[in-house]
Amino acid sequence: MPRREIDGKKIAIFLLVVLLIVAVGYIAFVKFADWRQTSELGTFQQGAQYGYQQAFVDVASAAATCQQVPLTVGNQTINIIAVECLNQ
């Protein structure tokens, strides 16, 4: 049986192809991770915006019933009431 010699160029090409595949896979993974993080951040921001809107609607609705509504920020609390209720 004749022995086949392994050509150095073929080994180099094979290694370069393997390294290219690894590099493309790594880049794809990083891009996917960035896309996923951006998507999750957008969802979080939408949820926060909805929460702010609902809080404002709830406070305004409670104030419109002519009852004082306490608002606390940090360690400070204020009571709000609709101006129309003061004129009655």
PDB file of N, CA and C in Angstrom:
ATOM      1  N   MET A   1       0.820  -1.172   0.000  1.00  0.00           N
ATOM      2  CA  MET A   1       0.000   0.000   0.000  1.00  0.00           C
ATOM      3  C   MET A   1       0.871   1.245   0.000  1.00  0.00           C
ATOM      4  N   PRO A   2       0.635   2.106  -0.941  1.00  0.00           N
ATOM      5  CA  PRO A   2       1.438   3.326  -0.966  1.00  0.00           C
ATOM      6  C   PRO A   2       0.961   4.311   0.110  1.00  0.00           C
ATOM      7  N   ARG A   3       1.912   4.963   0.722  1.00  0.00           N
ATOM      8  CA  ARG A   3       1.581   5.962   1.740  1.00  0.00           C
ATOM      9  C   ARG A   3       1.308   7.289   1.067  1.00  0.00           C
ATOM     10  N   ARG A   4       0.250   7.918   1.531  1.00  0.00           N
ATOM     11  CA  ARG A   4      -0.056   9.250   0.996  1.00  0.00           C
ATOM     12  C   ARG A   4       0.523  10.281   1.943  1.00  0.00           C
ATOM     13  N   GLU A   5       1.219  11.195   1.389  1.00  0.00           N
ATOM     14  CA  GLU A   5       1.756  12.262   2.209  1.00  0.00           C
ATOM     15  C   GLU A   5       0.703  13.357   2.337  1.00  0.00           C
ATOM     16  N   ILE A   6       0.633  13.911   3.525  1.00  0.00           N
ATOM     17  CA  ILE A   6      -0.313  14.988   3.759  1.00  0.00           C
ATOM     18  C   ILE A   6       0.351  16.289   3.346  1.00  0.00           C
ATOM     19  N   ASP A   7      -0.329  16.970   2.482  1.00  0.00           N
ATOM     20  CA  ASP A   7       0.203  18.207   1.943  1.00  0.00           C
ATOM     21  C   ASP A   7       0.022  19.335   2.958  1.00  0.00           C
ATOM     22  N   GLY A   8       1.051  20.121   3.184  1.00  0.00           N
ATOM     23  CA  GLY A   8       1.000  21.228   4.132  1.00  0.00           C
ATOM     24  C   GLY A   8      -0.025  22.285   3.748  1.00  0.00           C
ATOM     25  N   LYS A   9      -0.203  22.493   2.452  1.00  0.00           N
ATOM     26  CA  LYS A   9      -1.172  23.487   1.988  1.00  0.00           C
ATOM     27  C   LYS A   9      -2.595  23.049   2.327  1.00  0.00           C
ATOM     28  N   LYS A  10      -2.860  21.768   2.193  1.00  0.00           N
ATOM     29  CA  LYS A  10      -4.207  21.266   2.495  1.00  0.00           C
ATOM     30  C   LYS A  10      -4.515  21.428   3.978  1.00  0.00           C
ATOM     31  N   ILE A  11      -3.528  21.183   4.826  1.00  0.00           N
ATOM     32  CA  ILE A  11      -3.725  21.346   6.273  1.00  0.00           C
ATOM     33  C   ILE A  11      -3.982  22.807   6.595  1.00  0.00           C
ATOM     34  N   ALA A  12      -3.202  23.684   5.974  1.00  0.00           N
ATOM     35  CA  ALA A  12      -3.371  25.115   6.221  1.00  0.00           C
ATOM     36  C   ALA A  12      -4.757  25.582   5.769  1.00  0.00           C
ATOM     37  N   ILE A  13      -5.208  25.136   4.620  1.00  0.00           N
ATOM     38  CA  ILE A  13      -6.532  25.509   4.113  1.00  0.00           C
ATOM     39  C   ILE A  13      -7.618  24.970   5.029  1.00  0.00           C
ATOM     40  N   PHE A  14      -7.464  23.724   5.471  1.00  0.00           N
ATOM     41  CA  PHE A  14      -8.444  23.138   6.382  1.00  0.00           C
ATOM     42  C   PHE A  14      -8.524  23.945   7.678  1.00  0.00           C
ATOM     43  N   LEU A  15      -7.381  24.298   8.254  1.00  0.00           N
ATOM     44  CA  LEU A  15      -7.370  25.075   9.490  1.00  0.00           C
ATOM     45  C   LEU A  15      -7.987  26.455   9.286  1.00  0.00           C
ATOM     46  N   LEU A  16      -7.702  27.078   8.153  1.00  0.00           N
ATOM     47  CA  LEU A  16      -8.293  28.387   7.862  1.00  0.00           C
ATOM     48  C   LEU A  16      -9.815  28.298   7.716  1.00  0.00           C
ATOM     49  N   VAL A  17     -10.298  27.259   7.095  1.00  0.00           N
ATOM     50  CA  VAL A  17     -11.745  27.068   6.946  1.00  0.00           C
ATOM     51  C   VAL A  17     -12.385  26.861   8.318  1.00  0.00           C
ATOM     52  N   VAL A  18     -11.752  26.054   9.164  1.00  0.00           N
ATOM     53  CA  VAL A  18     -12.277  25.827  10.510  1.00  0.00           C
ATOM     54  C   VAL A  18     -12.296  27.138  11.298  1.00  0.00           C
ATOM     55  N   LEU A  19     -11.221  27.906  11.234  1.00  0.00           N
ATOM     56  CA  LEU A  19     -11.168  29.192  11.931  1.00  0.00           C
ATOM     57  C   LEU A  19     -12.218  30.164  11.389  1.00  0.00           C
ATOM     58  N   LEU A  20     -12.449  30.147  10.093  1.00  0.00           N
ATOM     59  CA  LEU A  20     -13.480  31.003   9.500  1.00  0.00           C
ATOM     60  C   LEU A  20     -14.864  30.622  10.010  1.00  0.00           C
ATOM     61  N   ILE A  21     -15.128  29.348  10.089  1.00  0.00           N
ATOM     62  CA  ILE A  21     -16.419  28.877  10.599  1.00  0.00           C
ATOM     63  C   ILE A  21     -16.597  29.294  12.056  1.00  0.00           C
ATOM     64  N   VAL A  22     -15.552  29.149  12.859  1.00  0.00           N
ATOM     65  CA  VAL A  22     -15.621  29.553  14.267  1.00  0.00           C
ATOM     66  C   VAL A  22     -15.858  31.058  14.377  1.00  0.00           C
ATOM     67  N   ALA A  23     -15.150  31.858  13.574  1.00  0.00           N
ATOM     68  CA  ALA A  23     -15.298  33.313  13.618  1.00  0.00           C
ATOM     69  C   ALA A  23     -16.705  33.738  13.209  1.00  0.00           C
ATOM     70  N   VAL A  24     -17.234  33.151  12.144  1.00  0.00           N
ATOM     71  CA  VAL A  24     -18.591  33.487  11.694  1.00  0.00           C
ATOM     72  C   VAL A  24     -19.604  33.075  12.761  1.00  0.00           C
ATOM     73  N   GLY A  25     -19.417  31.934  13.377  1.00  0.00           N
ATOM     74  CA  GLY A  25     -20.318  31.495  14.444  1.00  0.00           C
ATOM     75  C   GLY A  25     -20.278  32.435  15.633  1.00  0.00           C
ATOM     76  N   TYR A  26     -19.098  32.892  16.005  1.00  0.00           N
ATOM     77  CA  TYR A  26     -18.962  33.825  17.123  1.00  0.00           C
ATOM     78  C   TYR A  26     -19.640  35.154  16.807  1.00  0.00           C
ATOM     79  N   ILE A  27     -19.412  35.672  15.618  1.00  0.00           N
ATOM     80  CA  ILE A  27     -20.036  36.938  15.220  1.00  0.00           C
ATOM     81  C   ILE A  27     -21.550  36.801  15.214  1.00  0.00           C
ATOM     82  N   ALA A  28     -22.064  35.697  14.700  1.00  0.00           N
ATOM     83  CA  ALA A  28     -23.505  35.477  14.679  1.00  0.00           C
ATOM     84  C   ALA A  28     -24.062  35.405  16.096  1.00  0.00           C
ATOM     85  N   PHE A  29     -23.345  34.749  16.995  1.00  0.00           N
ATOM     86  CA  PHE A  29     -23.794  34.652  18.384  1.00  0.00           C
ATOM     87  C   PHE A  29     -23.838  36.029  19.038  1.00  0.00           C
ATOM     88  N   VAL A  30     -22.810  36.845  18.822  1.00  0.00           N
ATOM     89  CA  VAL A  30     -22.766  38.186  19.406  1.00  0.00           C
ATOM     90  C   VAL A  30     -23.902  39.046  18.850  1.00  0.00           C
ATOM     91  N   LYS A  31     -24.132  38.984  17.553  1.00  0.00           N
ATOM     92  CA  LYS A  31     -25.219  39.769  16.943  1.00  0.00           C
ATOM     93  C   LYS A  31     -26.571  39.320  17.486  1.00  0.00           C
ATOM     94  N   PHE A  32     -26.770  38.027  17.650  1.00  0.00           N
ATOM     95  CA  PHE A  32     -28.029  37.522  18.190  1.00  0.00           C
ATOM     96  C   PHE A  32     -28.218  37.990  19.631  1.00  0.00           C
ATOM     97  N   ALA A  33     -27.153  37.954  20.432  1.00  0.00           N
ATOM     98  CA  ALA A  33     -27.237  38.402  21.821  1.00  0.00           C
ATOM     99  C   ALA A  33     -27.584  39.887  21.877  1.00  0.00           C
ATOM    100  N   ASP A  34     -26.985  40.700  21.008  1.00  0.00           N
ATOM    101  CA  ASP A  34     -27.306  42.132  20.958  1.00  0.00           C
ATOM    102  C   ASP A  34     -28.764  42.344  20.570  1.00  0.00           C
ATOM    103  N   TRP A  35     -29.227  41.612  19.563  1.00  0.00           N
ATOM    104  CA  TRP A  35     -30.616  41.746  19.120  1.00  0.00           C
ATOM    105  C   TRP A  35     -31.575  41.366  20.244  1.00  0.00           C
ATOM    106  N   ARG A  36     -31.262  40.296  20.940  1.00  0.00           N
ATOM    107  CA  ARG A  36     -32.132  39.831  22.026  1.00  0.00           C
ATOM    108  C   ARG A  36     -32.173  40.852  23.165  1.00  0.00           C
ATOM    109  N   GLN A  37     -31.026  41.413  23.506  1.00  0.00           N
ATOM    110  CA  GLN A  37     -30.971  42.412  24.574  1.00  0.00           C
ATOM    111  C   GLN A  37     -31.761  43.661  24.170  1.00  0.00           C
ATOM    112  N   THR A  38     -31.630  44.090  22.934  1.00  0.00           N
ATOM    113  CA  THR A  38     -32.369  45.254  22.447  1.00  0.00           C
ATOM    114  C   THR A  38     -33.872  44.981  22.490  1.00  0.00           C
ATOM    115  N   SER A  39     -34.264  43.789  22.116  1.00  0.00           N
ATOM    116  CA  SER A  39     -35.679  43.416  22.144  1.00  0.00           C
ATOM    117  C   SER A  39     -36.224  43.420  23.565  1.00  0.00           C
ATOM    118  N   GLU A  40     -35.463  42.849  24.494  1.00  0.00           N
ATOM    119  CA  GLU A  40     -35.906  42.813  25.889  1.00  0.00           C
ATOM    120  C   GLU A  40     -35.967  44.208  26.492  1.00  0.00           C
ATOM    121  N   LEU A  41     -35.019  45.073  26.134  1.00  0.00           N
ATOM    122  CA  LEU A  41     -35.018  46.440  26.633  1.00  0.00           C
ATOM    123  C   LEU A  41     -36.247  47.192  26.127  1.00  0.00           C
ATOM    124  N   GLY A  42     -36.595  46.996  24.855  1.00  0.00           N
ATOM    125  CA  GLY A  42     -37.790  47.630  24.296  1.00  0.00           C
ATOM    126  C   GLY A  42     -39.050  47.185  25.018  1.00  0.00           C
ATOM    127  N   THR A  43     -39.136  45.911  25.311  1.00  0.00           N
ATOM    128  CA  THR A  43     -40.296  45.383  26.035  1.00  0.00           C
ATOM    129  C   THR A  43     -40.359  45.977  27.443  1.00  0.00           C
ATOM    130  N   PHE A  44     -39.217  46.074  28.115  1.00  0.00           N
ATOM    131  CA  PHE A  44     -39.167  46.662  29.446  1.00  0.00           C
ATOM    132  C   PHE A  44     -39.616  48.122  29.408  1.00  0.00           C
ATOM    133  N   GLN A  45     -39.134  48.884  28.431  1.00  0.00           N
ATOM    134  CA  GLN A  45     -39.491  50.295  28.324  1.00  0.00           C
ATOM    135  C   GLN A  45     -40.982  50.470  28.038  1.00  0.00           C
ATOM    136  N   GLN A  46     -41.545  49.617  27.203  1.00  0.00           N
ATOM    137  CA  GLN A  46     -42.979  49.689  26.932  1.00  0.00           C
ATOM    138  C   GLN A  46     -43.778  49.406  28.197  1.00  0.00           C
ATOM    139  N   GLY A  47     -43.340  48.431  28.978  1.00  0.00           N
ATOM    140  CA  GLY A  47     -44.033  48.108  30.222  1.00  0.00           C
ATOM    141  C   GLY A  47     -43.951  49.248  31.228  1.00  0.00           C
ATOM    142  N   ALA A  48     -42.787  49.882  31.322  1.00  0.00           N
ATOM    143  CA  ALA A  48     -42.635  51.016  32.239  1.00  0.00           C
ATOM    144  C   ALA A  48     -43.519  52.169  31.796  1.00  0.00           C
ATOM    145  N   GLN A  49     -43.557  52.445  30.514  1.00  0.00           N
ATOM    146  CA  GLN A  49     -44.397  53.535  29.999  1.00  0.00           C
ATOM    147  C   GLN A  49     -45.874  53.255  30.290  1.00  0.00           C
ATOM    148  N   TYR A  50     -46.301  52.033  30.103  1.00  0.00           N
ATOM    149  CA  TYR A  50     -47.689  51.669  30.399  1.00  0.00           C
ATOM    150  C   TYR A  50     -47.975  51.849  31.886  1.00  0.00           C
ATOM    151  N   GLY A  51     -47.033  51.472  32.731  1.00  0.00           N
ATOM    152  CA  GLY A  51     -47.211  51.636  34.174  1.00  0.00           C
ATOM    153  C   GLY A  51     -47.341  53.093  34.570  1.00  0.00           C
ATOM    154  N   TYR A  52     -46.511  53.954  33.973  1.00  0.00           N
ATOM    155  CA  TYR A  52     -46.602  55.388  34.262  1.00  0.00           C
ATOM    156  C   TYR A  52     -47.957  55.940  33.839  1.00  0.00           C
ATOM    157  N   GLN A  53     -48.418  55.549  32.679  1.00  0.00           N
ATOM    158  CA  GLN A  53     -49.714  56.025  32.184  1.00  0.00           C
ATOM    159  C   GLN A  53     -50.840  55.568  33.097  1.00  0.00           C
ATOM    160  N   GLN A  54     -50.814  54.318  33.495  1.00  0.00           N
ATOM    161  CA  GLN A  54     -51.868  53.796  34.372  1.00  0.00           C
ATOM    162  C   GLN A  54     -51.849  54.493  35.726  1.00  0.00           C
ATOM    163  N   ALA A  55     -50.659  54.768  36.256  1.00  0.00           N
ATOM    164  CA  ALA A  55     -50.566  55.462  37.542  1.00  0.00           C
ATOM    165  C   ALA A  55     -51.169  56.854  37.429  1.00  0.00           C
ATOM    166  N   PHE A  56     -50.872  57.555  36.353  1.00  0.00           N
ATOM    167  CA  PHE A  56     -51.421  58.894  36.168  1.00  0.00           C
ATOM    168  C   PHE A  56     -52.942  58.849  36.033  1.00  0.00           C
ATOM    169  N   VAL A  57     -53.450  57.910  35.274  1.00  0.00           N
ATOM    170  CA  VAL A  57     -54.901  57.771  35.109  1.00  0.00           C
ATOM    171  C   VAL A  57     -55.559  57.461  36.447  1.00  0.00           C
ATOM    172  N   ASP A  58     -54.951  56.586  37.231  1.00  0.00           N
ATOM    173  CA  ASP A  58     -55.514  56.241  38.544  1.00  0.00           C
ATOM    174  C   ASP A  58     -55.539  57.439  39.481  1.00  0.00           C
ATOM    175  N   VAL A  59     -54.450  58.214  39.511  1.00  0.00           N
ATOM    176  CA  VAL A  59     -54.397  59.392  40.382  1.00  0.00           C
ATOM    177  C   VAL A  59     -55.413  60.429  39.919  1.00  0.00           C
ATOM    178  N   ALA A  60     -55.482  60.675  38.629  1.00  0.00           N
ATOM    179  CA  ALA A  60     -56.432  61.658  38.112  1.00  0.00           C
ATOM    180  C   ALA A  60     -57.867  61.220  38.378  1.00  0.00           C
ATOM    181  N   SER A  61     -58.160  59.958  38.231  1.00  0.00           N
ATOM    182  CA  SER A  61     -59.511  59.454  38.487  1.00  0.00           C
ATOM    183  C   SER A  61     -59.879  59.601  39.958  1.00  0.00           C
ATOM    184  N   ALA A  62     -58.935  59.307  40.833  1.00  0.00           N
ATOM    185  CA  ALA A  62     -59.201  59.432  42.267  1.00  0.00           C
ATOM    186  C   ALA A  62     -59.373  60.895  42.652  1.00  0.00           C
ATOM    187  N   ALA A  63     -58.580  61.786  42.089  1.00  0.00           N
ATOM    188  CA  ALA A  63     -58.691  63.210  42.396  1.00  0.00           C
ATOM    189  C   ALA A  63     -60.008  63.782  41.878  1.00  0.00           C
ATOM    190  N   ALA A  64     -60.513  63.259  40.801  1.00  0.00           N
ATOM    191  CA  ALA A  64     -61.765  63.752  40.219  1.00  0.00           C
ATOM    192  C   ALA A  64     -62.972  63.416  41.086  1.00  0.00           C
ATOM    193  N   THR A  65     -62.834  62.528  42.055  1.00  0.00           N
ATOM    194  CA  THR A  65     -63.951  62.175  42.944  1.00  0.00           C
ATOM    195  C   THR A  65     -64.027  63.111  44.142  1.00  0.00           C
ATOM    196  N   CYS A  66     -63.266  64.205  44.094  1.00  0.00           N
ATOM    197  CA  CYS A  66     -63.232  65.216  45.160  1.00  0.00           C
ATOM    198  C   CYS A  66     -62.725  64.657  46.490  1.00  0.00           C
ATOM    199  N   GLN A  67     -61.856  63.700  46.420  1.00  0.00           N
ATOM    200  CA  GLN A  67     -61.195  63.190  47.616  1.00  0.00           C
ATOM    201  C   GLN A  67     -59.710  63.482  47.492  1.00  0.00           C
ATOM    202  N   GLN A  68     -59.076  63.712  48.626  1.00  0.00           N
ATOM    203  CA  GLN A  68     -57.639  63.938  48.605  1.00  0.00           C
ATOM    204  C   GLN A  68     -56.925  62.639  48.227  1.00  0.00           C
ATOM    205  N   VAL A  69     -55.910  62.795  47.402  1.00  0.00           N
ATOM    206  CA  VAL A  69     -55.112  61.645  46.969  1.00  0.00           C
ATOM    207  C   VAL A  69     -53.683  61.877  47.449  1.00  0.00           C
ATOM    208  N   PRO A  70     -53.192  61.030  48.348  1.00  0.00           N
ATOM    209  CA  PRO A  70     -51.814  61.215  48.821  1.00  0.00           C
ATOM    210  C   PRO A  70     -50.804  60.707  47.798  1.00  0.00           C
ATOM    211  N   LEU A  71     -49.789  61.520  47.549  1.00  0.00           N
ATOM    212  CA  LEU A  71     -48.684  61.131  46.666  1.00  0.00           C
ATOM    213  C   LEU A  71     -47.405  61.190  47.480  1.00  0.00           C
ATOM    214  N   THR A  72     -46.666  60.115  47.472  1.00  0.00           N
ATOM    215  CA  THR A  72     -45.423  60.041  48.237  1.00  0.00           C
ATOM    216  C   THR A  72     -44.251  59.897  47.279  1.00  0.00           C
ATOM    217  N   VAL A  73     -43.278  60.784  47.448  1.00  0.00           N
ATOM    218  CA  VAL A  73     -42.038  60.715  46.667  1.00  0.00           C
ATOM    219  C   VAL A  73     -40.905  60.738  47.678  1.00  0.00           C
ATOM    220  N   GLY A  74     -40.174  59.661  47.730  1.00  0.00           N
ATOM    221  CA  GLY A  74     -39.113  59.555  48.719  1.00  0.00           C
ATOM    222  C   GLY A  74     -39.719  59.536  50.111  1.00  0.00           C
ATOM    223  N   ASN A  75     -39.325  60.490  50.942  1.00  0.00           N
ATOM    224  CA  ASN A  75     -39.891  60.559  52.293  1.00  0.00           C
ATOM    225  C   ASN A  75     -40.848  61.740  52.440  1.00  0.00           C
ATOM    226  N   GLN A  76     -41.303  62.282  51.315  1.00  0.00           N
ATOM    227  CA  GLN A  76     -42.195  63.443  51.331  1.00  0.00           C
ATOM    228  C   GLN A  76     -43.549  63.050  50.736  1.00  0.00           C
ATOM    229  N   THR A  77     -44.625  63.433  51.451  1.00  0.00           N
ATOM    230  CA  THR A  77     -45.983  63.116  50.993  1.00  0.00           C
ATOM    231  C   THR A  77     -46.762  64.413  50.828  1.00  0.00           C
ATOM    232  N   ILE A  78     -47.492  64.504  49.705  1.00  0.00           N
ATOM    233  CA  ILE A  78     -48.393  65.629  49.492  1.00  0.00           C
ATOM    234  C   ILE A  78     -49.766  65.072  49.158  1.00  0.00           C
ATOM    235  N   ASN A  79     -50.791  65.855  49.413  1.00  0.00           N
ATOM    236  CA  ASN A  79     -52.152  65.469  49.054  1.00  0.00           C
ATOM    237  C   ASN A  79     -52.608  66.350  47.904  1.00  0.00           C
ATOM    238  N   ILE A  80     -53.217  65.732  46.905  1.00  0.00           N
ATOM    239  CA  ILE A  80     -53.746  66.511  45.781  1.00  0.00           C
ATOM    240  C   ILE A  80     -55.248  66.337  45.743  1.00  0.00           C
ATOM    241  N   ILE A  81     -55.894  67.350  45.181  1.00  0.00           N
ATOM    242  CA  ILE A  81     -57.338  67.332  44.999  1.00  0.00           C
ATOM    243  C   ILE A  81     -57.641  68.173  43.768  1.00  0.00           C
ATOM    244  N   ALA A  82     -58.666  67.850  43.072  1.00  0.00           N
ATOM    245  CA  ALA A  82     -59.027  68.584  41.859  1.00  0.00           C
ATOM    246  C   ALA A  82     -59.431  70.006  42.226  1.00  0.00           C
ATOM    247  N   VAL A  83     -59.008  70.978  41.440  1.00  0.00           N
ATOM    248  CA  VAL A  83     -59.323  72.381  41.700  1.00  0.00           C
ATOM    249  C   VAL A  83     -60.824  72.608  41.656  1.00  0.00           C
ATOM    250  N   GLU A  84     -61.506  71.914  40.791  1.00  0.00           N
ATOM    251  CA  GLU A  84     -62.954  72.066  40.682  1.00  0.00           C
ATOM    252  C   GLU A  84     -63.648  71.739  42.004  1.00  0.00           C
ATOM    253  N   CYS A  85     -63.088  70.833  42.764  1.00  0.00           N
ATOM    254  CA  CYS A  85     -63.679  70.424  44.033  1.00  0.00           C
ATOM    255  C   CYS A  85     -63.517  71.523  45.084  1.00  0.00           C
ATOM    256  N   LEU A  86     -62.478  72.338  44.984  1.00  0.00           N
ATOM    257  CA  LEU A  86     -62.264  73.425  45.930  1.00  0.00           C
ATOM    258  C   LEU A  86     -63.264  74.566  45.713  1.00  0.00           C
ATOM    259  N   ASN A  87     -63.718  74.740  44.499  1.00  0.00           N
ATOM    260  CA  ASN A  87     -64.642  75.818  44.169  1.00  0.00           C
ATOM    261  C   ASN A  87     -66.072  75.511  44.566  1.00  0.00           C
ATOM    262  N   GLN A  88     -66.369  74.288  44.946  1.00  0.00           N
ATOM    263  CA  GLN A  88     -67.741  73.914  45.279  1.00  0.00           C
ATOM    264  C   GLN A  88     -68.122  74.369  46.648  1.00  0.00           C
TER     265      GLN A  88
END
